[in-house]
C-alpha cells in the first residue's frame, strides 16, 4: 500500500521536500464536494489546470540560482523511504515529485533543456542550490546501499551539460571548494621560480593569474 501511495503521488501531486520538511503539496485533479450538480467535472478540470500551472511555476523558481538538477527513478520507493531521503538532504537541496511533462515546461527555453533525456519514467527531482555537488548527491547513494535499491539517477544537468547515469561518477568525485583552495594554497607555498616572479607582479595581474589557475584546476577535476 505504501508503494502504491508513493507511485500515486507522482501521478496526482507535486511535492517539494527540503531538509526542513515538506515545503508544499499540490493535489492536481482533486474533487470538490461543494460543486453544483452537473458541474463537478468542470471544477475538477479547473483545479487540475491551476495546480499544474502552480507546479510549473514552482519548478521555475527552484531553477533560479540552481547549480544542478538531477532526476531519480523512484518507481517502487515507499513514502517512508522518500521521507528518509528528504531528511538526509543538505539544507540547500530540495526534493520535488512532479510529472515529466510539467518539468519539461519549466525548463523549456532555458539552459536546463539539456535535462530532456531524463524525462522518462517516474522521477523525483533534486534541485541543488550549493556548489558542493558530491554532498548533495551522496544521500541518495547512501539510501541505495542501505536498502539495496536498483533505482538509479536518471540523469542530471550541471553547467548546461547533461550527465547520463553512467557519467555520475564525474559529478560525485568533484573536489569541494575547500579542496580546490587547499590545492591552490599548496601550490602557492611550493618553491617555484615562476611563482616568485608572479608574486612580484602588480596585484591586478596576480588576481587574474589566481583566477585562471582555479579555473584550470576545476577543468582538470
N, C-alpha and C. Protein backbone atom coordinates (compact mmCIF):
# COMPACT_ATOMS: atom_id res chain seq x y z
N UNK A 1 0.82 -1.20 0.00
CA UNK A 1 0.00 0.00 0.00
C UNK A 1 0.86 1.25 0.00
N UNK A 2 1.94 1.24 0.81
CA UNK A 2 2.82 2.40 0.87
C UNK A 2 3.45 2.68 -0.48
N UNK A 3 3.84 1.59 -1.18
CA UNK A 3 4.43 1.74 -2.50
C UNK A 3 3.44 2.35 -3.46
N UNK A 4 2.20 1.91 -3.39
CA UNK A 4 1.17 2.44 -4.26
C UNK A 4 0.94 3.92 -3.99
N UNK A 5 1.03 4.31 -2.72
CA UNK A 5 0.86 5.71 -2.37
C UNK A 5 1.98 6.54 -2.97
N UNK A 6 3.20 6.02 -2.91
CA UNK A 6 4.35 6.76 -3.44
C UNK A 6 4.22 6.95 -4.94
N UNK A 7 3.83 5.87 -5.63
CA UNK A 7 3.66 5.94 -7.08
C UNK A 7 2.52 6.88 -7.43
N UNK A 8 1.45 6.80 -6.67
CA UNK A 8 0.30 7.65 -6.95
C UNK A 8 0.65 9.11 -6.79
N UNK A 9 1.55 9.41 -5.89
CA UNK A 9 1.88 10.81 -5.64
C UNK A 9 2.48 11.47 -6.86
N UNK A 10 3.15 10.70 -7.69
CA UNK A 10 3.73 11.27 -8.90
C UNK A 10 2.64 11.60 -9.90
N UNK A 11 1.57 10.80 -9.93
CA UNK A 11 0.54 11.00 -10.92
C UNK A 11 -0.42 12.12 -10.57
N UNK A 12 -0.66 12.38 -9.29
CA UNK A 12 -1.69 13.35 -8.95
C UNK A 12 -1.19 14.47 -8.06
N UNK A 13 0.07 14.50 -7.74
CA UNK A 13 0.51 15.59 -6.89
C UNK A 13 1.93 15.99 -7.20
N UNK A 14 2.27 17.17 -6.73
CA UNK A 14 3.64 17.65 -6.82
C UNK A 14 4.05 18.07 -5.44
N UNK A 15 5.11 17.47 -4.91
CA UNK A 15 5.53 17.74 -3.56
C UNK A 15 6.96 18.26 -3.54
N UNK A 16 7.20 19.23 -2.66
CA UNK A 16 8.50 19.85 -2.56
C UNK A 16 9.05 19.59 -1.17
N UNK A 17 10.14 18.88 -1.09
CA UNK A 17 10.73 18.50 0.18
C UNK A 17 12.12 19.07 0.30
N UNK A 18 12.35 19.78 1.36
CA UNK A 18 13.69 20.27 1.67
C UNK A 18 14.15 19.59 2.94
N UNK A 19 15.32 19.95 3.39
CA UNK A 19 15.85 19.30 4.59
C UNK A 19 15.04 19.65 5.84
N UNK A 20 14.25 20.73 5.75
CA UNK A 20 13.47 21.15 6.91
C UNK A 20 12.06 20.57 6.90
N UNK A 21 11.75 19.76 5.90
CA UNK A 21 10.43 19.14 5.86
C UNK A 21 9.72 19.44 4.57
N UNK A 22 8.48 19.03 4.49
CA UNK A 22 7.71 19.23 3.28
C UNK A 22 7.38 20.71 3.15
N UNK A 23 7.72 21.29 1.99
CA UNK A 23 7.53 22.71 1.79
C UNK A 23 6.17 23.02 1.18
N UNK A 24 5.74 22.14 0.30
CA UNK A 24 4.50 22.42 -0.39
C UNK A 24 3.94 21.15 -0.98
N UNK A 25 2.62 21.02 -1.02
CA UNK A 25 1.99 19.87 -1.64
C UNK A 25 0.82 20.34 -2.46
N UNK A 26 0.84 20.04 -3.75
CA UNK A 26 -0.25 20.41 -4.65
C UNK A 26 -0.97 19.17 -5.12
N UNK A 27 -2.26 19.11 -4.98
CA UNK A 27 -3.03 17.96 -5.44
C UNK A 27 -3.76 18.35 -6.70
N UNK A 28 -3.33 17.74 -7.80
CA UNK A 28 -3.94 18.04 -9.08
C UNK A 28 -5.12 17.12 -9.32
N UNK A 29 -6.19 17.68 -9.86
CA UNK A 29 -7.34 16.86 -10.19
C UNK A 29 -8.14 16.46 -8.96
N UNK A 30 -8.09 17.27 -7.91
CA UNK A 30 -8.81 16.95 -6.69
C UNK A 30 -10.31 17.05 -6.87
N UNK A 31 -11.09 16.51 -5.94
CA UNK A 31 -12.53 16.52 -6.03
C UNK A 31 -13.10 17.61 -5.15
N UNK A 32 -14.25 18.09 -5.46
CA UNK A 32 -14.92 19.12 -4.66
C UNK A 32 -16.33 18.68 -4.35
N UNK A 33 -16.62 18.47 -3.09
CA UNK A 33 -17.96 18.06 -2.68
C UNK A 33 -18.92 19.24 -2.72
N UNK A 34 -18.36 20.49 -2.88
CA UNK A 34 -19.20 21.67 -2.90
C UNK A 34 -19.65 22.04 -4.31
N UNK A 35 -19.20 21.29 -5.31
CA UNK A 35 -19.52 21.63 -6.70
C UNK A 35 -21.01 21.50 -6.96
N UNK A 36 -21.59 22.42 -7.73
CA UNK A 36 -23.00 22.34 -8.09
C UNK A 36 -23.28 21.09 -8.89
N UNK A 37 -24.49 20.58 -8.82
CA UNK A 37 -24.85 19.37 -9.57
C UNK A 37 -24.54 19.54 -11.06
N UNK A 38 -23.90 18.53 -11.62
CA UNK A 38 -23.62 18.54 -13.04
C UNK A 38 -22.37 19.29 -13.43
N UNK A 39 -21.68 19.92 -12.44
CA UNK A 39 -20.50 20.73 -12.77
C UNK A 39 -19.23 20.23 -12.08
N UNK A 40 -19.31 19.06 -11.45
CA UNK A 40 -18.14 18.53 -10.72
C UNK A 40 -16.95 18.32 -11.65
N UNK A 41 -17.22 17.82 -12.87
CA UNK A 41 -16.14 17.57 -13.81
C UNK A 41 -15.44 18.85 -14.22
N UNK A 42 -16.21 19.93 -14.41
CA UNK A 42 -15.65 21.22 -14.79
C UNK A 42 -14.76 21.75 -13.67
N UNK A 43 -15.23 21.62 -12.43
CA UNK A 43 -14.47 22.11 -11.28
C UNK A 43 -13.16 21.36 -11.15
N UNK A 44 -13.22 20.02 -11.29
CA UNK A 44 -12.01 19.21 -11.18
C UNK A 44 -10.99 19.60 -12.25
N UNK A 45 -11.47 19.87 -13.48
CA UNK A 45 -10.59 20.24 -14.57
C UNK A 45 -9.91 21.57 -14.28
N UNK A 46 -10.67 22.53 -13.73
CA UNK A 46 -10.11 23.84 -13.41
C UNK A 46 -9.05 23.73 -12.32
N UNK A 47 -9.35 22.89 -11.30
CA UNK A 47 -8.40 22.69 -10.22
C UNK A 47 -7.12 22.06 -10.76
N UNK A 48 -7.28 21.05 -11.62
CA UNK A 48 -6.12 20.37 -12.19
C UNK A 48 -5.25 21.33 -12.98
N UNK A 49 -5.86 22.17 -13.81
CA UNK A 49 -5.10 23.12 -14.62
C UNK A 49 -4.36 24.11 -13.73
N UNK A 50 -5.03 24.60 -12.70
CA UNK A 50 -4.41 25.57 -11.80
C UNK A 50 -3.22 24.97 -11.07
N UNK A 51 -3.38 23.75 -10.57
CA UNK A 51 -2.30 23.11 -9.83
C UNK A 51 -1.11 22.81 -10.73
N UNK A 52 -1.38 22.43 -11.97
CA UNK A 52 -0.29 22.16 -12.90
C UNK A 52 0.50 23.43 -13.18
N UNK A 53 -0.22 24.53 -13.35
CA UNK A 53 0.45 25.81 -13.58
C UNK A 53 1.28 26.20 -12.36
N UNK A 54 0.77 25.95 -11.17
CA UNK A 54 1.50 26.26 -9.94
C UNK A 54 2.76 25.40 -9.83
N UNK A 55 2.63 24.15 -10.25
CA UNK A 55 3.78 23.24 -10.20
C UNK A 55 4.88 23.71 -11.14
N UNK A 56 4.51 24.10 -12.36
CA UNK A 56 5.48 24.59 -13.33
C UNK A 56 6.16 25.85 -12.80
N UNK A 57 5.38 26.75 -12.22
CA UNK A 57 5.94 27.99 -11.69
C UNK A 57 6.87 27.72 -10.52
N UNK A 58 6.48 26.79 -9.66
CA UNK A 58 7.32 26.45 -8.51
C UNK A 58 8.64 25.83 -8.98
N UNK A 59 8.58 25.00 -10.01
CA UNK A 59 9.80 24.39 -10.56
C UNK A 59 10.71 25.47 -11.15
N UNK A 60 10.13 26.45 -11.82
CA UNK A 60 10.92 27.54 -12.39
C UNK A 60 11.63 28.31 -11.28
N UNK A 61 10.94 28.50 -10.16
CA UNK A 61 11.56 29.20 -9.04
C UNK A 61 12.73 28.40 -8.47
N UNK A 62 12.58 27.08 -8.46
CA UNK A 62 13.66 26.23 -7.97
C UNK A 62 14.88 26.32 -8.89
N UNK A 63 14.65 26.55 -10.17
CA UNK A 63 15.75 26.62 -11.13
C UNK A 63 16.58 27.89 -10.96
N UNK A 64 16.00 28.91 -10.34
CA UNK A 64 16.73 30.16 -10.14
C UNK A 64 17.87 29.95 -9.15
N UNK A 65 19.06 30.26 -9.58
CA UNK A 65 20.22 30.09 -8.73
C UNK A 65 20.62 28.65 -8.49
N UNK A 66 20.04 27.75 -9.28
CA UNK A 66 20.31 26.32 -9.10
C UNK A 66 21.67 25.96 -9.72
N UNK A 67 22.40 25.09 -9.05
CA UNK A 67 23.70 24.64 -9.56
C UNK A 67 23.58 23.35 -10.36
N UNK A 68 22.64 22.50 -9.95
CA UNK A 68 22.47 21.18 -10.59
C UNK A 68 21.05 20.70 -10.38
N UNK A 69 20.52 20.03 -11.41
CA UNK A 69 19.22 19.36 -11.30
C UNK A 69 19.42 17.90 -11.69
N UNK A 70 18.95 17.00 -10.84
CA UNK A 70 19.13 15.57 -11.10
C UNK A 70 17.80 14.83 -10.95
N UNK A 71 17.59 13.86 -11.82
CA UNK A 71 16.39 13.03 -11.73
C UNK A 71 16.70 11.71 -11.04
N UNK A 72 15.73 11.25 -10.25
CA UNK A 72 15.86 9.96 -9.55
C UNK A 72 14.68 9.08 -9.93
N UNK A 73 14.96 7.89 -10.40
CA UNK A 73 13.89 6.94 -10.69
C UNK A 73 13.34 6.43 -9.36
N UNK A 74 12.10 6.80 -9.07
CA UNK A 74 11.58 6.43 -7.75
C UNK A 74 10.46 5.39 -7.81
N UNK A 75 10.30 4.73 -8.95
CA UNK A 75 9.31 3.67 -9.06
C UNK A 75 9.57 2.60 -7.99
N UNK A 76 8.56 2.29 -7.20
CA UNK A 76 8.69 1.25 -6.18
C UNK A 76 9.13 1.76 -4.83
N UNK A 77 9.61 3.00 -4.74
CA UNK A 77 10.01 3.53 -3.44
C UNK A 77 8.77 3.85 -2.61
N UNK A 78 8.84 3.55 -1.34
CA UNK A 78 7.71 3.82 -0.46
C UNK A 78 7.75 5.26 0.03
N UNK A 79 6.64 5.70 0.58
CA UNK A 79 6.56 7.04 1.15
C UNK A 79 7.60 7.19 2.26
N UNK A 80 7.75 6.16 3.07
CA UNK A 80 8.70 6.20 4.18
C UNK A 80 10.13 6.36 3.66
N UNK A 81 10.46 5.67 2.58
CA UNK A 81 11.80 5.76 2.01
C UNK A 81 12.05 7.14 1.41
N UNK A 82 11.02 7.72 0.78
CA UNK A 82 11.16 9.06 0.24
C UNK A 82 11.35 10.07 1.36
N UNK A 83 10.64 9.89 2.45
CA UNK A 83 10.80 10.78 3.60
C UNK A 83 12.19 10.64 4.21
N UNK A 84 12.69 9.42 4.24
CA UNK A 84 14.03 9.17 4.75
C UNK A 84 15.07 9.91 3.91
N UNK A 85 14.89 9.88 2.59
CA UNK A 85 15.79 10.59 1.70
C UNK A 85 15.70 12.09 1.94
N UNK A 86 14.50 12.59 2.05
CA UNK A 86 14.30 14.02 2.26
C UNK A 86 15.02 14.51 3.50
N UNK A 87 14.93 13.75 4.58
CA UNK A 87 15.55 14.16 5.85
C UNK A 87 17.07 14.18 5.78
N UNK A 88 17.64 13.40 4.87
CA UNK A 88 19.09 13.31 4.79
C UNK A 88 19.71 14.32 3.82
N UNK A 89 18.87 15.09 3.12
CA UNK A 89 19.38 16.03 2.13
C UNK A 89 19.99 17.26 2.80
N UNK A 90 21.00 17.86 2.17
CA UNK A 90 21.55 19.11 2.68
C UNK A 90 20.48 20.20 2.65
N UNK A 91 20.68 21.21 3.44
CA UNK A 91 19.69 22.28 3.55
C UNK A 91 19.44 22.98 2.21
N UNK A 92 20.48 23.05 1.38
CA UNK A 92 20.36 23.79 0.11
C UNK A 92 19.81 22.93 -1.02
N UNK A 93 19.32 21.74 -0.72
CA UNK A 93 18.81 20.84 -1.75
C UNK A 93 17.34 20.54 -1.52
N UNK A 94 16.55 20.61 -2.58
CA UNK A 94 15.12 20.37 -2.50
C UNK A 94 14.73 19.16 -3.34
N UNK A 95 13.90 18.30 -2.78
CA UNK A 95 13.38 17.13 -3.49
C UNK A 95 11.96 17.42 -3.93
N UNK A 96 11.70 17.21 -5.19
CA UNK A 96 10.39 17.52 -5.77
C UNK A 96 9.88 16.33 -6.57
N UNK A 97 8.61 16.01 -6.39
CA UNK A 97 7.97 14.95 -7.17
C UNK A 97 6.98 15.62 -8.11
N UNK A 98 7.20 15.46 -9.41
CA UNK A 98 6.33 16.09 -10.39
C UNK A 98 6.40 15.33 -11.71
N UNK A 99 5.36 15.45 -12.51
CA UNK A 99 5.33 14.77 -13.79
C UNK A 99 6.40 15.33 -14.72
N UNK A 100 6.94 14.46 -15.56
CA UNK A 100 7.97 14.86 -16.51
C UNK A 100 7.49 15.99 -17.42
N UNK A 101 6.23 15.95 -17.80
CA UNK A 101 5.68 16.95 -18.71
C UNK A 101 5.75 18.34 -18.08
N UNK A 102 5.48 18.42 -16.78
CA UNK A 102 5.50 19.71 -16.11
C UNK A 102 6.93 20.22 -15.94
N UNK A 103 7.84 19.31 -15.64
CA UNK A 103 9.25 19.70 -15.56
C UNK A 103 9.74 20.16 -16.93
N UNK A 104 9.28 19.47 -17.97
CA UNK A 104 9.65 19.85 -19.33
C UNK A 104 9.22 21.27 -19.66
N UNK A 105 8.04 21.65 -19.20
CA UNK A 105 7.56 23.01 -19.43
C UNK A 105 8.40 24.02 -18.65
N UNK A 106 8.80 23.64 -17.45
CA UNK A 106 9.58 24.55 -16.61
C UNK A 106 10.96 24.83 -17.20
N UNK A 107 11.56 23.84 -17.83
CA UNK A 107 12.93 24.01 -18.35
C UNK A 107 12.95 24.50 -19.79
N UNK A 108 11.80 24.59 -20.40
CA UNK A 108 11.72 24.99 -21.80
C UNK A 108 12.33 26.38 -22.01
N UNK A 109 13.22 26.49 -23.00
CA UNK A 109 13.82 27.76 -23.32
C UNK A 109 14.92 28.20 -22.37
N UNK A 110 15.39 27.29 -21.51
CA UNK A 110 16.44 27.61 -20.56
C UNK A 110 17.64 26.69 -20.76
N UNK A 111 18.72 26.96 -20.05
CA UNK A 111 19.89 26.09 -20.15
C UNK A 111 19.60 24.69 -19.62
N UNK A 112 18.51 24.55 -18.88
CA UNK A 112 18.16 23.26 -18.29
C UNK A 112 17.44 22.35 -19.26
N UNK A 113 17.20 22.81 -20.49
CA UNK A 113 16.57 21.96 -21.50
C UNK A 113 17.40 20.71 -21.78
N UNK A 114 18.68 20.78 -21.44
CA UNK A 114 19.56 19.62 -21.64
C UNK A 114 19.11 18.43 -20.80
N UNK A 115 18.20 18.68 -19.85
CA UNK A 115 17.71 17.61 -18.98
C UNK A 115 16.69 16.70 -19.68
N UNK A 116 16.26 17.05 -20.86
CA UNK A 116 15.19 16.31 -21.54
C UNK A 116 15.40 14.80 -21.63
N UNK A 117 16.63 14.30 -21.86
CA UNK A 117 16.81 12.84 -21.92
C UNK A 117 16.40 12.12 -20.64
N UNK A 118 16.33 12.84 -19.52
CA UNK A 118 15.96 12.20 -18.25
C UNK A 118 14.46 12.23 -18.01
N UNK A 119 13.71 12.87 -18.89
CA UNK A 119 12.26 13.00 -18.70
C UNK A 119 11.55 11.73 -19.17
N UNK A 120 11.88 10.62 -18.54
CA UNK A 120 11.26 9.34 -18.86
C UNK A 120 10.94 8.60 -17.57
N UNK A 121 9.88 7.83 -17.59
CA UNK A 121 9.52 7.06 -16.40
C UNK A 121 9.00 7.96 -15.29
N UNK A 122 9.11 7.46 -14.06
CA UNK A 122 8.62 8.20 -12.90
C UNK A 122 9.81 8.75 -12.12
N UNK A 123 9.89 10.07 -12.06
CA UNK A 123 11.06 10.71 -11.47
C UNK A 123 10.72 11.59 -10.27
N UNK A 124 11.67 11.63 -9.36
CA UNK A 124 11.72 12.68 -8.34
C UNK A 124 12.90 13.54 -8.75
N UNK A 125 12.87 14.82 -8.38
CA UNK A 125 13.90 15.74 -8.87
C UNK A 125 14.63 16.41 -7.73
N UNK A 126 15.95 16.45 -7.85
CA UNK A 126 16.79 17.14 -6.87
C UNK A 126 17.20 18.49 -7.46
N UNK A 127 16.86 19.55 -6.76
CA UNK A 127 17.30 20.89 -7.13
C UNK A 127 18.39 21.29 -6.15
N UNK A 128 19.61 21.37 -6.64
CA UNK A 128 20.77 21.61 -5.78
C UNK A 128 21.19 23.07 -5.87
N UNK A 129 21.13 23.77 -4.73
CA UNK A 129 21.48 25.18 -4.69
C UNK A 129 22.78 25.41 -3.93
N UNK A 130 23.73 24.54 -4.10
CA UNK A 130 25.03 24.66 -3.48
C UNK A 130 26.09 24.17 -4.44
N UNK A 131 27.31 24.67 -4.29
CA UNK A 131 28.39 24.23 -5.16
C UNK A 131 28.98 22.90 -4.69
N UNK A 132 28.56 22.44 -3.53
CA UNK A 132 29.06 21.17 -3.00
C UNK A 132 28.23 20.03 -3.61
N UNK A 133 28.45 19.77 -4.88
CA UNK A 133 27.65 18.80 -5.63
C UNK A 133 27.74 17.37 -5.06
N UNK A 134 28.93 16.85 -4.77
CA UNK A 134 29.01 15.49 -4.23
C UNK A 134 28.20 15.30 -2.96
N UNK A 135 28.21 16.31 -2.09
CA UNK A 135 27.46 16.21 -0.84
C UNK A 135 25.96 16.18 -1.05
N UNK A 136 25.49 16.80 -2.13
CA UNK A 136 24.07 16.80 -2.43
C UNK A 136 23.61 15.48 -3.04
N UNK A 137 24.51 14.80 -3.76
CA UNK A 137 24.16 13.54 -4.41
C UNK A 137 24.34 12.33 -3.49
N UNK A 138 25.19 12.48 -2.49
CA UNK A 138 25.54 11.37 -1.62
C UNK A 138 24.36 10.76 -0.84
N UNK A 139 23.42 11.54 -0.31
CA UNK A 139 22.33 10.94 0.46
C UNK A 139 21.56 9.85 -0.29
N UNK A 140 21.32 10.07 -1.59
CA UNK A 140 20.60 9.02 -2.32
C UNK A 140 21.48 7.80 -2.55
N UNK A 141 22.78 8.00 -2.77
CA UNK A 141 23.69 6.86 -2.90
C UNK A 141 23.69 6.04 -1.61
N UNK A 142 23.70 6.73 -0.49
CA UNK A 142 23.68 6.04 0.81
C UNK A 142 22.39 5.24 0.98
N UNK A 143 21.28 5.83 0.54
CA UNK A 143 19.99 5.12 0.63
C UNK A 143 19.99 3.90 -0.28
N UNK A 144 20.57 4.04 -1.45
CA UNK A 144 20.68 2.91 -2.37
C UNK A 144 21.40 1.73 -1.71
N UNK A 145 22.53 2.02 -1.10
CA UNK A 145 23.33 0.97 -0.48
C UNK A 145 22.60 0.36 0.71
N UNK A 146 22.00 1.21 1.52
CA UNK A 146 21.33 0.74 2.73
C UNK A 146 20.16 -0.18 2.40
N UNK A 147 19.37 0.21 1.39
CA UNK A 147 18.16 -0.55 1.06
C UNK A 147 18.36 -1.49 -0.13
N UNK A 148 19.59 -1.51 -0.66
CA UNK A 148 19.90 -2.36 -1.83
C UNK A 148 18.95 -2.07 -2.99
N UNK A 149 18.81 -0.79 -3.29
CA UNK A 149 17.90 -0.36 -4.35
C UNK A 149 18.55 -0.45 -5.72
N UNK A 150 17.79 -0.87 -6.70
CA UNK A 150 18.27 -0.88 -8.07
C UNK A 150 18.00 0.45 -8.76
N UNK A 151 17.07 1.23 -8.19
CA UNK A 151 16.75 2.54 -8.74
C UNK A 151 18.01 3.40 -8.80
N UNK A 152 18.17 4.14 -9.88
CA UNK A 152 19.37 4.95 -10.03
C UNK A 152 18.96 6.37 -10.44
N UNK A 153 19.95 7.24 -10.48
CA UNK A 153 19.72 8.55 -11.07
C UNK A 153 19.41 8.37 -12.54
N UNK A 154 18.51 9.18 -13.07
CA UNK A 154 18.14 9.07 -14.49
C UNK A 154 18.88 10.07 -15.35
N UNK A 155 19.59 10.99 -14.71
CA UNK A 155 20.35 11.98 -15.45
C UNK A 155 20.43 13.28 -14.66
N UNK A 156 21.31 14.16 -15.08
CA UNK A 156 21.47 15.45 -14.40
C UNK A 156 22.03 16.47 -15.38
N UNK A 157 21.83 17.73 -15.04
CA UNK A 157 22.43 18.81 -15.81
C UNK A 157 23.25 19.67 -14.86
N UNK A 158 24.49 19.89 -15.26
CA UNK A 158 25.40 20.73 -14.48
C UNK A 158 26.15 21.62 -15.46
N UNK A 159 26.06 22.93 -15.25
CA UNK A 159 26.70 23.92 -16.12
C UNK A 159 26.30 23.71 -17.58
N UNK A 160 25.03 23.41 -17.80
CA UNK A 160 24.49 23.29 -19.15
C UNK A 160 24.75 21.97 -19.84
N UNK A 161 25.46 21.06 -19.18
CA UNK A 161 25.78 19.77 -19.78
C UNK A 161 24.96 18.66 -19.15
N UNK A 162 24.47 17.74 -19.99
CA UNK A 162 23.72 16.58 -19.49
C UNK A 162 24.67 15.46 -19.11
N UNK A 163 24.42 14.89 -17.93
CA UNK A 163 25.20 13.73 -17.46
C UNK A 163 24.28 12.52 -17.37
N UNK A 164 24.63 11.48 -18.08
CA UNK A 164 23.86 10.24 -18.03
C UNK A 164 24.17 9.52 -16.73
N UNK A 165 23.39 8.50 -16.36
CA UNK A 165 23.67 7.75 -15.13
C UNK A 165 25.10 7.20 -15.10
N UNK A 166 25.62 6.83 -16.27
CA UNK A 166 26.98 6.28 -16.33
C UNK A 166 28.05 7.34 -16.10
N UNK A 167 27.68 8.61 -16.21
CA UNK A 167 28.65 9.69 -16.07
C UNK A 167 28.59 10.36 -14.70
N UNK A 168 27.79 9.84 -13.80
CA UNK A 168 27.61 10.48 -12.49
C UNK A 168 28.87 10.45 -11.64
N UNK A 169 29.76 9.53 -11.92
CA UNK A 169 30.99 9.45 -11.14
C UNK A 169 31.77 10.76 -11.22
N UNK A 170 31.70 11.40 -12.38
CA UNK A 170 32.40 12.68 -12.56
C UNK A 170 31.82 13.74 -11.63
N UNK A 171 30.51 13.72 -11.44
CA UNK A 171 29.86 14.68 -10.55
C UNK A 171 30.12 14.35 -9.08
N UNK A 172 30.08 13.06 -8.78
CA UNK A 172 30.21 12.63 -7.39
C UNK A 172 31.65 12.70 -6.87
N UNK A 173 32.60 12.84 -7.78
CA UNK A 173 34.01 12.91 -7.37
C UNK A 173 34.59 14.31 -7.53
N UNK A 174 33.74 15.27 -7.81
CA UNK A 174 34.22 16.65 -7.95
C UNK A 174 34.82 17.14 -6.64
N UNK A 175 35.94 17.85 -6.71
CA UNK A 175 36.52 18.41 -5.48
C UNK A 175 35.65 19.51 -4.92
N UNK A 176 35.61 19.63 -3.62
CA UNK A 176 34.85 20.70 -3.00
C UNK A 176 35.61 22.01 -3.13
N UNK A 177 34.94 23.11 -2.85
CA UNK A 177 35.61 24.41 -2.90
C UNK A 177 36.80 24.44 -1.95
N UNK A 178 36.63 23.84 -0.75
CA UNK A 178 37.70 23.82 0.23
C UNK A 178 38.91 23.04 -0.30
N UNK A 179 38.64 21.94 -1.00
CA UNK A 179 39.73 21.14 -1.55
C UNK A 179 40.47 21.89 -2.66
N UNK A 180 39.72 22.64 -3.47
CA UNK A 180 40.35 23.44 -4.52
C UNK A 180 41.26 24.50 -3.92
N UNK A 181 40.75 25.18 -2.90
CA UNK A 181 41.54 26.22 -2.26
C UNK A 181 42.78 25.63 -1.59
N UNK A 182 42.60 24.46 -0.98
CA UNK A 182 43.73 23.82 -0.32
C UNK A 182 44.81 23.46 -1.33
N UNK A 183 44.37 22.94 -2.48
CA UNK A 183 45.32 22.58 -3.53
C UNK A 183 46.05 23.81 -4.06
N UNK A 184 45.29 24.90 -4.24
CA UNK A 184 45.88 26.14 -4.71
C UNK A 184 46.88 26.67 -3.71
N UNK A 185 46.52 26.64 -2.43
CA UNK A 185 47.41 27.13 -1.38
C UNK A 185 48.71 26.32 -1.35
N UNK A 186 48.59 25.01 -1.53
CA UNK A 186 49.78 24.16 -1.53
C UNK A 186 50.71 24.51 -2.67
N UNK A 187 50.10 24.85 -3.82
CA UNK A 187 50.90 25.23 -4.97
C UNK A 187 51.62 26.55 -4.73
N UNK A 188 50.90 27.49 -4.11
CA UNK A 188 51.49 28.79 -3.83
C UNK A 188 52.66 28.67 -2.87
N UNK A 189 52.53 27.78 -1.90
CA UNK A 189 53.56 27.62 -0.89
C UNK A 189 54.77 26.84 -1.40
N UNK A 190 54.61 26.13 -2.50
CA UNK A 190 55.71 25.33 -3.05
C UNK A 190 56.75 26.24 -3.68
N UNK A 191 58.03 25.91 -3.53
CA UNK A 191 59.08 26.75 -4.13
C UNK A 191 59.04 26.63 -5.64
N UNK A 192 58.96 27.77 -6.29
CA UNK A 192 58.96 27.79 -7.75
C UNK A 192 59.38 29.17 -8.21
N UNK A 193 60.38 29.22 -9.06
CA UNK A 193 60.89 30.49 -9.54
C UNK A 193 59.83 31.28 -10.29
N UNK A 194 59.04 30.53 -11.07
CA UNK A 194 58.00 31.20 -11.83
C UNK A 194 56.98 31.86 -10.94
N UNK A 195 56.66 31.20 -9.83
CA UNK A 195 55.67 31.73 -8.91
C UNK A 195 56.19 32.99 -8.23
N UNK A 196 57.49 33.00 -7.90
CA UNK A 196 58.09 34.17 -7.26
C UNK A 196 57.96 35.39 -8.16
N UNK A 197 58.24 35.20 -9.44
CA UNK A 197 58.14 36.32 -10.36
C UNK A 197 56.70 36.79 -10.50
N UNK A 198 55.77 35.84 -10.40
CA UNK A 198 54.35 36.19 -10.48
C UNK A 198 53.94 37.02 -9.28
N UNK A 199 54.43 36.65 -8.10
CA UNK A 199 54.09 37.37 -6.88
C UNK A 199 54.65 38.78 -6.89
N UNK A 200 55.69 39.01 -7.70
CA UNK A 200 56.27 40.33 -7.78
C UNK A 200 55.53 41.22 -8.78
N UNK A 201 54.60 40.64 -9.48
CA UNK A 201 53.83 41.40 -10.46
C UNK A 201 52.79 42.25 -9.75
N UNK A 202 52.20 43.23 -10.46
CA UNK A 202 51.14 44.05 -9.86
C UNK A 202 50.00 43.20 -9.32
N UNK A 203 49.32 43.72 -8.30
CA UNK A 203 48.26 42.96 -7.64
C UNK A 203 47.17 42.54 -8.60
N UNK A 204 46.83 43.42 -9.56
CA UNK A 204 45.77 43.08 -10.52
C UNK A 204 46.14 41.86 -11.35
N UNK A 205 47.40 41.79 -11.80
CA UNK A 205 47.86 40.64 -12.58
C UNK A 205 47.85 39.37 -11.75
N UNK A 206 48.16 39.50 -10.47
CA UNK A 206 48.16 38.33 -9.59
C UNK A 206 46.76 37.77 -9.44
N UNK A 207 45.77 38.65 -9.29
CA UNK A 207 44.38 38.21 -9.16
C UNK A 207 43.96 37.45 -10.41
N UNK A 208 44.30 37.99 -11.59
CA UNK A 208 43.93 37.32 -12.84
C UNK A 208 44.62 35.96 -12.95
N UNK A 209 45.85 35.90 -12.49
CA UNK A 209 46.60 34.64 -12.54
C UNK A 209 45.96 33.59 -11.64
N UNK A 210 45.58 34.00 -10.43
CA UNK A 210 44.96 33.06 -9.49
C UNK A 210 43.62 32.57 -10.02
N UNK A 211 42.83 33.47 -10.59
CA UNK A 211 41.53 33.07 -11.14
C UNK A 211 41.72 32.06 -12.27
N UNK A 212 42.69 32.31 -13.11
CA UNK A 212 42.96 31.41 -14.23
C UNK A 212 43.40 30.04 -13.72
N UNK A 213 44.18 30.03 -12.64
CA UNK A 213 44.67 28.76 -12.10
C UNK A 213 43.53 27.97 -11.47
N UNK A 214 42.64 28.67 -10.76
CA UNK A 214 41.48 27.99 -10.16
C UNK A 214 40.64 27.36 -11.25
N UNK A 215 40.42 28.08 -12.35
CA UNK A 215 39.65 27.53 -13.45
C UNK A 215 40.33 26.32 -14.04
N UNK A 216 41.66 26.36 -14.15
CA UNK A 216 42.41 25.23 -14.68
C UNK A 216 42.23 24.00 -13.79
N UNK A 217 42.25 24.19 -12.46
CA UNK A 217 42.06 23.07 -11.54
C UNK A 217 40.66 22.50 -11.68
N UNK A 218 39.67 23.39 -11.82
CA UNK A 218 38.28 22.93 -11.97
C UNK A 218 38.11 22.14 -13.25
N UNK A 219 38.77 22.59 -14.34
CA UNK A 219 38.66 21.88 -15.62
C UNK A 219 39.32 20.52 -15.56
N UNK A 220 40.40 20.39 -14.77
CA UNK A 220 41.10 19.13 -14.66
C UNK A 220 40.40 18.15 -13.74
N UNK A 221 39.50 18.68 -12.87
CA UNK A 221 38.82 17.82 -11.88
C UNK A 221 37.86 16.87 -12.55
